[in-house]
Amino acid sequence: MDPKTPRATRKVPMQVLSLGLPRTGTASMQSALQILGYNDTAHGFDLISHPEIGTPWMEAVNAKFLDQGKPYGRAEFDALLGNCAAVTDMPCASFWEELMVAYPEAKIILVERDVEDWYKSFDATVVTELFSKIANVIVNYIEPLIGSQIGPMSRKLIYGYFHAKTPDEVRQNARRVYREHYRRIREATPKERLLEFRLGEGWGPLCDFLGKDVPDGLPFPRINEAAALKAKVREVQWEKLKAAGVALGRSFVPVVVVGIAMWYWYRR
């Protein structure tokens, strides 16, 4: 998403809601949908690339999970996702009910994997990265200094969607919430509007469902999401630490905090 592009109104129709949870091939689905012409396709990585969208997502999360502010509907999602013809991953997947109501014309795609395989991956990447020691320093000290809301919003989102107050409760509830997520979407979606898809099936079922030609000579994208996520997290952590160092100047105590955070970061 180009941060210079106005986001106040919808620029393209919302056509596809790919509502699989993180660690189910969401980056691969984003790439596939963009190859098929659905530009842009939203993904959680957008928060890292374009942190300015953290503020409206914080509003949406506060309204949904904490009853603070106006719940997001079509007008708000048009403003936030106005350049997007499709969505994947969180935060969008956790707002599946609101998005399905807001865009009743959009087609629904579910990519699911074995719950135990999913849980291991989700725990090792999303939970571990979001609640690590360095993440604690960044969320509690660095982000307030530089005006970022990505970390706090992401934690509220995970806690809210997984009915948890601690990382251990996220882990305890993860399998149940995962199963409920897919069951509830299946129950809420007319069969003609829903594709249940596995990445190994390739282009055929996806293109048939969307009415698109199979891309000539292009294999279906398979992105190593674990590696991509960790690389993105390291990138944004380092950028936040540098930004905090610049913002703090010579103030001794905050600089010590940043120094400790950098020490943790380098030891990883």
Protein backbone atom coordinates (compact mmCIF):
# COMPACT_ATOMS: atom_id res chain seq x y z
CA MET A 1 0.00 0.00 0.00
CA ASP A 2 1.32 3.41 -0.90
CA PRO A 3 1.14 5.61 2.23
CA LYS A 4 0.91 8.70 0.01
CA THR A 5 -2.36 7.54 -1.54
CA PRO A 6 -5.48 9.08 0.04
CA ARG A 7 -7.35 6.52 2.11
CA ALA A 8 -10.52 8.50 2.90
CA THR A 9 -12.76 6.80 0.32
CA ARG A 10 -12.99 3.48 -1.51
CA LYS A 11 -10.92 3.52 -4.69
CA VAL A 12 -11.58 -0.04 -5.89
CA PRO A 13 -14.39 -2.51 -5.11
CA MET A 14 -13.76 -5.00 -2.31
CA GLN A 15 -14.00 -8.32 -4.13
CA VAL A 16 -12.32 -11.04 -2.04
CA LEU A 17 -12.14 -11.74 1.70
CA SER A 18 -9.52 -14.42 2.38
CA LEU A 19 -10.25 -15.06 6.04
CA GLY A 20 -7.79 -17.72 7.12
CA LEU A 21 -5.96 -17.02 10.37
CA PRO A 22 -2.24 -16.15 10.45
CA ARG A 23 0.12 -19.06 9.70
CA THR A 24 -2.25 -20.64 7.17
CA GLY A 25 -0.49 -19.36 4.07
CA THR A 26 -1.79 -15.81 4.19
CA ALA A 27 1.31 -14.30 2.56
CA SER A 28 1.09 -16.84 -0.25
CA MET A 29 -2.58 -15.99 -0.69
CA GLN A 30 -1.77 -12.28 -0.78
CA SER A 31 0.78 -12.90 -3.54
CA ALA A 32 -1.61 -15.15 -5.49
CA LEU A 33 -4.47 -12.66 -5.32
CA GLN A 34 -2.22 -9.82 -6.45
CA ILE A 35 -0.98 -11.90 -9.38
CA LEU A 36 -4.64 -12.37 -10.34
CA GLY A 37 -5.12 -8.59 -10.33
CA TYR A 38 -6.56 -7.89 -6.88
CA ASN A 39 -4.53 -4.81 -6.06
CA ASP A 40 -4.01 -4.05 -3.35
CA THR A 41 -4.49 -7.13 -1.17
CA ALA A 42 -4.22 -6.28 2.52
CA HIS A 43 -2.00 -8.34 4.85
CA GLY A 44 -0.75 -7.96 8.40
CA PHE A 45 2.69 -7.10 7.01
CA ASP A 46 1.17 -3.79 5.91
CA LEU A 47 1.31 -2.66 9.54
CA ILE A 48 5.06 -3.08 9.48
CA SER A 49 5.56 -1.43 6.11
CA HIS A 50 3.07 1.40 6.74
CA PRO A 51 2.74 2.05 10.48
CA GLU A 52 0.37 4.97 9.93
CA ILE A 53 -2.50 2.49 9.60
CA GLY A 54 -1.88 1.35 13.18
CA THR A 55 -4.02 4.19 14.54
CA PRO A 56 -7.29 3.31 12.74
CA TRP A 57 -6.73 -0.37 13.45
CA MET A 58 -6.34 0.51 17.14
CA GLU A 59 -9.70 2.30 16.94
CA ALA A 60 -11.29 -0.78 15.38
CA VAL A 61 -9.75 -3.13 17.96
CA ASN A 62 -10.78 -0.93 20.90
CA ALA A 63 -14.34 -0.76 19.60
CA LYS A 64 -14.64 -4.51 18.94
CA PHE A 65 -12.94 -5.94 22.00
CA LEU A 66 -13.13 -3.18 24.64
CA ASP A 67 -16.42 -1.45 23.69
CA GLN A 68 -14.55 1.83 23.32
CA GLY A 69 -15.70 4.00 20.43
CA LYS A 70 -17.80 3.36 17.38
CA PRO A 71 -17.68 -0.15 15.89
CA TYR A 72 -16.24 -0.28 12.40
CA GLY A 73 -18.64 -0.68 9.49
CA ARG A 74 -18.45 -0.14 5.75
CA ALA A 75 -17.65 3.57 5.93
CA GLU A 76 -14.76 3.01 8.32
CA PHE A 77 -13.38 0.03 6.41
CA ASP A 78 -13.67 1.98 3.16
CA ALA A 79 -11.48 4.64 4.72
CA LEU A 80 -8.98 2.13 6.10
CA LEU A 81 -8.96 -0.37 3.22
CA GLY A 82 -10.09 1.87 0.39
CA ASN A 83 -7.23 0.88 -1.91
CA CYS A 84 -7.76 -2.84 -1.35
CA ALA A 85 -9.65 -5.21 -3.64
CA ALA A 86 -8.95 -8.13 -1.30
CA VAL A 87 -7.81 -8.89 2.25
CA THR A 88 -5.88 -11.65 3.98
CA ASP A 89 -4.40 -12.31 7.44
CA MET A 90 -4.98 -10.41 10.67
CA PRO A 91 -6.17 -7.84 11.58
CA CYS A 92 -8.75 -8.38 8.82
CA ALA A 93 -9.46 -12.04 9.59
CA SER A 94 -10.45 -11.17 13.15
CA PHE A 95 -13.05 -8.75 11.75
CA TRP A 96 -14.58 -11.36 9.45
CA GLU A 97 -18.14 -10.73 10.65
CA GLU A 98 -17.92 -6.98 10.14
CA LEU A 99 -16.24 -7.34 6.74
CA MET A 100 -18.78 -9.88 5.48
CA VAL A 101 -21.61 -7.52 6.44
CA ALA A 102 -19.83 -4.49 5.00
CA TYR A 103 -19.06 -6.23 1.69
CA PRO A 104 -21.84 -8.76 0.99
CA GLU A 105 -20.80 -8.90 -2.65
CA ALA A 106 -17.26 -10.12 -1.84
CA LYS A 107 -16.30 -13.77 -2.26
CA ILE A 108 -14.99 -15.67 0.77
CA ILE A 109 -11.90 -17.89 0.79
CA LEU A 110 -10.88 -20.11 3.70
CA VAL A 111 -7.41 -21.64 3.82
CA GLU A 112 -7.11 -24.09 6.69
CA ARG A 113 -4.37 -26.41 7.90
CA ASP A 114 -4.18 -29.16 10.51
CA VAL A 115 -4.84 -27.56 13.87
CA GLU A 116 -1.75 -29.02 15.56
CA ASP A 117 0.55 -27.98 12.72
CA TRP A 118 -1.04 -24.53 12.82
CA TYR A 119 -0.69 -24.22 16.59
CA LYS A 120 3.03 -25.05 16.58
CA SER A 121 3.67 -22.45 13.91
CA PHE A 122 1.42 -19.81 15.49
CA ASP A 123 3.08 -20.25 18.89
CA ALA A 124 6.62 -20.25 17.52
CA THR A 125 6.14 -17.09 15.47
CA VAL A 126 3.17 -14.88 16.32
CA VAL A 127 2.95 -15.48 20.08
CA THR A 128 6.68 -15.77 20.71
CA GLU A 129 7.57 -12.70 18.66
CA LEU A 130 4.75 -10.52 19.96
CA PHE A 131 5.46 -11.22 23.63
CA SER A 132 9.25 -11.54 23.68
CA LYS A 133 11.50 -9.55 26.03
CA ILE A 134 12.57 -7.19 23.29
CA ALA A 135 8.92 -6.75 22.27
CA ASN A 136 8.08 -5.84 25.87
CA VAL A 137 10.70 -3.09 25.85
CA ILE A 138 9.54 -1.77 22.49
CA VAL A 139 5.82 -1.85 23.31
CA ASN A 140 6.13 -0.41 26.83
CA TYR A 141 8.89 2.16 26.32
CA ILE A 142 9.93 2.72 22.71
CA GLU A 143 6.59 2.93 20.91
CA PRO A 144 5.10 5.52 23.31
CA LEU A 145 8.18 7.68 22.68
CA ILE A 146 7.85 7.60 18.89
CA GLY A 147 4.05 7.62 18.67
CA SER A 148 3.63 4.10 17.25
CA GLN A 149 0.64 1.91 18.06
CA ILE A 150 1.48 -1.26 16.15
CA GLY A 151 2.70 -3.32 19.11
CA PRO A 152 -0.02 -2.31 21.58
CA MET A 153 -2.71 -2.76 18.93
CA SER A 154 -1.39 -6.18 17.92
CA ARG A 155 -1.36 -7.36 21.52
CA LYS A 156 -4.90 -6.09 22.15
CA LEU A 157 -6.01 -7.83 18.96
CA ILE A 158 -4.50 -11.19 19.90
CA TYR A 159 -5.76 -10.99 23.48
CA GLY A 160 -9.21 -9.97 22.32
CA TYR A 161 -9.66 -12.54 19.58
CA PHE A 162 -8.26 -15.38 21.66
CA HIS A 163 -10.20 -14.40 24.80
CA ALA A 164 -7.01 -14.02 26.79
CA LYS A 165 -5.22 -11.73 29.22
CA THR A 166 -1.77 -13.35 29.10
CA PRO A 167 0.37 -15.09 26.45
CA ASP A 168 -0.21 -18.41 28.24
CA GLU A 169 -3.97 -17.91 27.96
CA VAL A 170 -3.55 -17.21 24.24
CA ARG A 171 -1.81 -20.57 23.95
CA GLN A 172 -4.45 -22.34 26.04
CA ASN A 173 -7.32 -20.96 23.96
CA ALA A 174 -5.66 -21.04 20.54
CA ARG A 175 -6.90 -24.40 19.28
CA ARG A 176 -10.48 -23.79 20.38
CA VAL A 177 -10.59 -20.31 18.83
CA TYR A 178 -9.04 -21.64 15.63
CA ARG A 179 -11.71 -24.30 15.25
CA GLU A 180 -14.50 -21.84 16.11
CA HIS A 181 -13.18 -19.31 13.60
CA TYR A 182 -13.55 -21.72 10.70
CA ARG A 183 -16.81 -23.26 11.91
CA ARG A 184 -18.52 -19.91 12.34
CA ILE A 185 -17.43 -18.61 8.94
CA ARG A 186 -18.67 -21.78 7.25
CA GLU A 187 -22.02 -21.47 8.99
CA ALA A 188 -22.36 -17.79 8.06
CA THR A 189 -21.39 -18.08 4.38
CA PRO A 190 -23.66 -19.31 1.55
CA LYS A 191 -21.97 -22.22 -0.23
CA GLU A 192 -21.88 -20.41 -3.57
CA ARG A 193 -19.94 -17.56 -1.96
CA LEU A 194 -17.32 -19.77 -0.24
CA LEU A 195 -14.15 -21.52 -1.44
CA GLU A 196 -12.37 -23.85 0.97
CA PHE A 197 -8.89 -23.96 -0.46
CA ARG A 198 -5.56 -25.61 0.24
CA LEU A 199 -2.41 -24.09 -1.20
CA GLY A 200 -1.27 -27.43 -2.61
CA GLU A 201 -4.27 -27.46 -4.96
CA GLY A 202 -2.61 -24.80 -7.11
CA TRP A 203 -4.24 -22.22 -9.33
CA GLY A 204 -7.14 -24.30 -10.69
CA PRO A 205 -9.77 -24.18 -7.92
CA LEU A 206 -8.92 -20.59 -7.02
CA CYS A 207 -9.13 -19.30 -10.58
CA ASP A 208 -12.35 -21.24 -11.25
CA PHE A 209 -13.94 -19.73 -8.15
CA LEU A 210 -12.87 -16.19 -8.99
CA GLY A 211 -13.52 -16.43 -12.73
CA LYS A 212 -9.89 -15.78 -13.61
CA ASP A 213 -7.56 -17.35 -16.14
CA VAL A 214 -4.76 -19.49 -14.76
CA PRO A 215 -1.54 -17.41 -14.95
CA ASP A 216 0.54 -18.65 -17.84
CA GLY A 217 3.82 -20.19 -16.75
CA LEU A 218 3.62 -18.98 -13.14
CA PRO A 219 3.73 -21.53 -10.31
CA PHE A 220 1.42 -20.90 -7.39
CA PRO A 221 3.35 -18.76 -4.88
CA ARG A 222 4.63 -20.49 -1.76
CA ILE A 223 6.12 -17.98 0.67
CA ASN A 224 7.99 -19.05 3.79
CA GLU A 225 5.85 -17.01 6.15
CA ALA A 226 7.80 -17.89 9.30
CA ALA A 227 11.02 -16.56 7.83
CA ALA A 228 9.26 -13.56 6.27
CA LEU A 229 7.54 -12.68 9.55
CA LYS A 230 10.72 -12.89 11.59
CA ALA A 231 12.60 -10.78 9.06
CA LYS A 232 9.85 -8.14 9.09
CA VAL A 233 9.74 -8.10 12.89
CA ARG A 234 13.52 -7.67 13.13
CA GLU A 235 13.37 -4.86 10.57
CA VAL A 236 10.69 -2.90 12.37
CA GLN A 237 12.25 -3.46 15.80
CA TRP A 238 15.56 -2.07 14.60
CA GLU A 239 13.89 0.92 12.94
CA LYS A 240 11.97 1.72 16.13
CA LEU A 241 15.10 1.51 18.26
CA LYS A 242 16.92 3.88 15.91
CA ALA A 243 13.96 6.28 15.85
CA ALA A 244 13.79 6.27 19.64
CA GLY A 245 17.51 7.00 19.88
CA VAL A 246 17.13 10.02 17.61
CA ALA A 247 14.05 11.26 19.47
CA LEU A 248 15.66 10.97 22.89
CA GLY A 249 18.85 12.81 22.11
CA ARG A 250 20.97 13.06 25.23
CA SER A 251 18.37 12.35 27.89
CA PHE A 252 20.27 9.88 30.07
CA VAL A 253 17.63 7.56 31.54
CA PRO A 254 15.63 7.00 28.34
CA VAL A 255 18.87 6.48 26.43
CA VAL A 256 19.78 3.75 28.90
CA VAL A 257 16.44 2.09 28.18
CA VAL A 258 17.09 2.23 24.45
CA GLY A 259 20.62 0.95 25.01
CA ILE A 260 19.34 -2.04 26.95
CA ALA A 261 16.81 -2.74 24.22
CA MET A 262 19.53 -2.61 21.57
CA TRP A 263 21.66 -4.98 23.64
CA TYR A 264 18.79 -7.47 23.77
CA TRP A 265 18.23 -7.03 20.05
CA TYR A 266 21.87 -7.70 19.15
CA ARG A 267 21.99 -10.81 21.35
CA ARG A 268 19.11 -12.48 19.50
